[in-house]
Structures are given as C-alpha cells and as structure tokens.
C-alpha cells in the first residue's frame, strides 16, 4: 500500500448521499431534516434513521480497522 492509497482511505468520508441511499430517500430530505427545527424547510427525519446512522458508523469502523491492519502489516513486512 502506498502513501496515496493509504491516505485516500483515511480521508474518505460519509456524505448526505450515503445516508440518503441507505434510507431510500432523497438528498434533499436529508438536508431538510438537518435544518434547525424552526426553519421553514425543516422536515421530520426519515424513519429508521438511527439504524442507518449506526450501520454507516459500523461500516466506517470496519473500514478504518482494515486500513490500520493493512498499513501495519506492510510496515512490518521486510
């Protein structure tokens, strides 16, 4: 694993689109649900949003764990 590939994995992030896909809603729905409650465009968060957040967070943990293992393994290789 080279520096670019390792840092690409480190810098990858979750965005509105990732959560929208997981929930089967539009990006606009995610953005509106994130607005302050008093805003005119504010909407109620999608059903099961908590489960989706947990699943995405777990995926991130697994991705970082694999990155750590890969970088360590290659650092320990002759």
C-alpha atoms as a PDB file:
ATOM      1  CA  UNK A   1       0.000   0.000   0.000  1.00  0.00           C
ATOM      2  CA  UNK A   2       1.458   3.346  -0.992  1.00  0.00           C
ATOM      3  CA  UNK A   3       1.011   6.729   0.684  1.00  0.00           C
ATOM      4  CA  UNK A   4      -1.722   7.903  -1.679  1.00  0.00           C
ATOM      5  CA  UNK A   5      -3.830   4.766  -1.297  1.00  0.00           C
ATOM      6  CA  UNK A   6      -3.451   4.804   2.496  1.00  0.00           C
ATOM      7  CA  UNK A   7      -4.406   8.459   2.777  1.00  0.00           C
ATOM      8  CA  UNK A   8      -7.304   8.049   0.317  1.00  0.00           C
ATOM      9  CA  UNK A   9      -8.718   5.500   2.754  1.00  0.00           C
ATOM     10  CA  UNK A  10      -8.053   7.802   5.677  1.00  0.00           C
ATOM     11  CA  UNK A  11      -9.709  10.827   4.080  1.00  0.00           C
ATOM     12  CA  UNK A  12     -12.781   9.065   2.677  1.00  0.00           C
ATOM     13  CA  UNK A  13     -15.928  10.437   4.262  1.00  0.00           C
ATOM     14  CA  UNK A  14     -19.621   9.863   4.587  1.00  0.00           C
ATOM     15  CA  UNK A  15     -21.888  12.448   3.000  1.00  0.00           C
ATOM     16  CA  UNK A  16     -25.566  13.278   2.610  1.00  0.00           C
ATOM     17  CA  UNK A  17     -25.840  10.990  -0.410  1.00  0.00           C
ATOM     18  CA  UNK A  18     -24.580   7.957   1.526  1.00  0.00           C
ATOM     19  CA  UNK A  19     -27.229   8.377   4.212  1.00  0.00           C
ATOM     20  CA  UNK A  20     -29.944   9.120   1.645  1.00  0.00           C
ATOM     21  CA  UNK A  21     -29.145   5.920  -0.266  1.00  0.00           C
ATOM     22  CA  UNK A  22     -29.137   3.858   2.907  1.00  0.00           C
ATOM     23  CA  UNK A  23     -32.564   5.237   3.862  1.00  0.00           C
ATOM     24  CA  UNK A  24     -34.025   5.198   0.351  1.00  0.00           C
ATOM     25  CA  UNK A  25     -34.782   8.917   0.386  1.00  0.00           C
ATOM     26  CA  UNK A  26     -33.551  11.958  -1.497  1.00  0.00           C
ATOM     27  CA  UNK A  27     -30.540  14.044  -0.533  1.00  0.00           C
ATOM     28  CA  UNK A  28     -32.953  16.977  -0.150  1.00  0.00           C
ATOM     29  CA  UNK A  29     -34.845  15.021   2.518  1.00  0.00           C
ATOM     30  CA  UNK A  30     -31.622  14.532   4.478  1.00  0.00           C
ATOM     31  CA  UNK A  31     -30.691  18.192   4.165  1.00  0.00           C
ATOM     32  CA  UNK A  32     -34.141  19.356   5.220  1.00  0.00           C
ATOM     33  CA  UNK A  33     -34.168  17.047   8.226  1.00  0.00           C
ATOM     34  CA  UNK A  34     -30.826  18.511   9.303  1.00  0.00           C
ATOM     35  CA  UNK A  35     -32.136  22.071   9.350  1.00  0.00           C
ATOM     36  CA  UNK A  36     -32.916  23.684  12.673  1.00  0.00           C
ATOM     37  CA  UNK A  37     -36.431  22.737  13.765  1.00  0.00           C
ATOM     38  CA  UNK A  38     -37.766  26.283  13.378  1.00  0.00           C
ATOM     39  CA  UNK A  39     -36.691  26.639   9.736  1.00  0.00           C
ATOM     40  CA  UNK A  40     -39.481  26.777   7.160  1.00  0.00           C
ATOM     41  CA  UNK A  41     -37.998  23.935   5.115  1.00  0.00           C
ATOM     42  CA  UNK A  42     -37.332  21.666   8.128  1.00  0.00           C
ATOM     43  CA  UNK A  43     -38.739  18.155   7.784  1.00  0.00           C
ATOM     44  CA  UNK A  44     -39.008  15.238  10.182  1.00  0.00           C
ATOM     45  CA  UNK A  45     -36.079  12.825   9.853  1.00  0.00           C
ATOM     46  CA  UNK A  46     -36.752   9.649   7.846  1.00  0.00           C
ATOM     47  CA  UNK A  47     -37.955   6.560   9.666  1.00  0.00           C
ATOM     48  CA  UNK A  48     -35.211   4.288  10.957  1.00  0.00           C
ATOM     49  CA  UNK A  49     -32.573   7.000  10.649  1.00  0.00           C
ATOM     50  CA  UNK A  50     -30.928   5.818  13.862  1.00  0.00           C
ATOM     51  CA  UNK A  51     -30.392   2.319  12.459  1.00  0.00           C
ATOM     52  CA  UNK A  52     -28.910   3.784   9.287  1.00  0.00           C
ATOM     53  CA  UNK A  53     -26.520   6.017  11.245  1.00  0.00           C
ATOM     54  CA  UNK A  54     -25.379   3.037  13.321  1.00  0.00           C
ATOM     55  CA  UNK A  55     -24.830   0.879  10.221  1.00  0.00           C
ATOM     56  CA  UNK A  56     -22.853   3.583   8.454  1.00  0.00           C
ATOM     57  CA  UNK A  57     -20.758   4.212  11.572  1.00  0.00           C
ATOM     58  CA  UNK A  58     -20.078   0.478  11.903  1.00  0.00           C
ATOM     59  CA  UNK A  59     -19.005   0.374   8.256  1.00  0.00           C
ATOM     60  CA  UNK A  60     -16.627   3.251   8.887  1.00  0.00           C
ATOM     61  CA  UNK A  61     -15.154   1.476  11.908  1.00  0.00           C
ATOM     62  CA  UNK A  62     -14.590  -1.675   9.853  1.00  0.00           C
ATOM     63  CA  UNK A  63     -13.043   0.330   7.014  1.00  0.00           C
ATOM     64  CA  UNK A  64     -10.644   2.090   9.383  1.00  0.00           C
ATOM     65  CA  UNK A  65      -9.804  -1.198  11.143  1.00  0.00           C
ATOM     66  CA  UNK A  66      -8.880  -2.760   7.783  1.00  0.00           C
ATOM     67  CA  UNK A  67      -6.802   0.287   6.851  1.00  0.00           C
ATOM     68  CA  UNK A  68      -4.943   0.067  10.180  1.00  0.00           C
ATOM     69  CA  UNK A  69      -4.281  -3.635   9.713  1.00  0.00           C
ATOM     70  CA  UNK A  70      -3.111  -3.202   6.113  1.00  0.00           C
ATOM     71  CA  UNK A  71      -0.754  -0.332   6.933  1.00  0.00           C
ATOM     72  CA  UNK A  72       0.673  -2.158   9.954  1.00  0.00           C
ATOM     73  CA  UNK A  73       1.099  -5.399   8.037  1.00  0.00           C
ATOM     74  CA  UNK A  74       3.008  -3.673   5.258  1.00  0.00           C
ATOM     75  CA  UNK A  75       5.122  -1.705   7.736  1.00  0.00           C
ATOM     76  CA  UNK A  76       6.126  -4.969   9.407  1.00  0.00           C
ATOM     77  CA  UNK A  77       6.950  -6.692   6.102  1.00  0.00           C
ATOM     78  CA  UNK A  78      10.586  -6.795   5.040  1.00  0.00           C
END
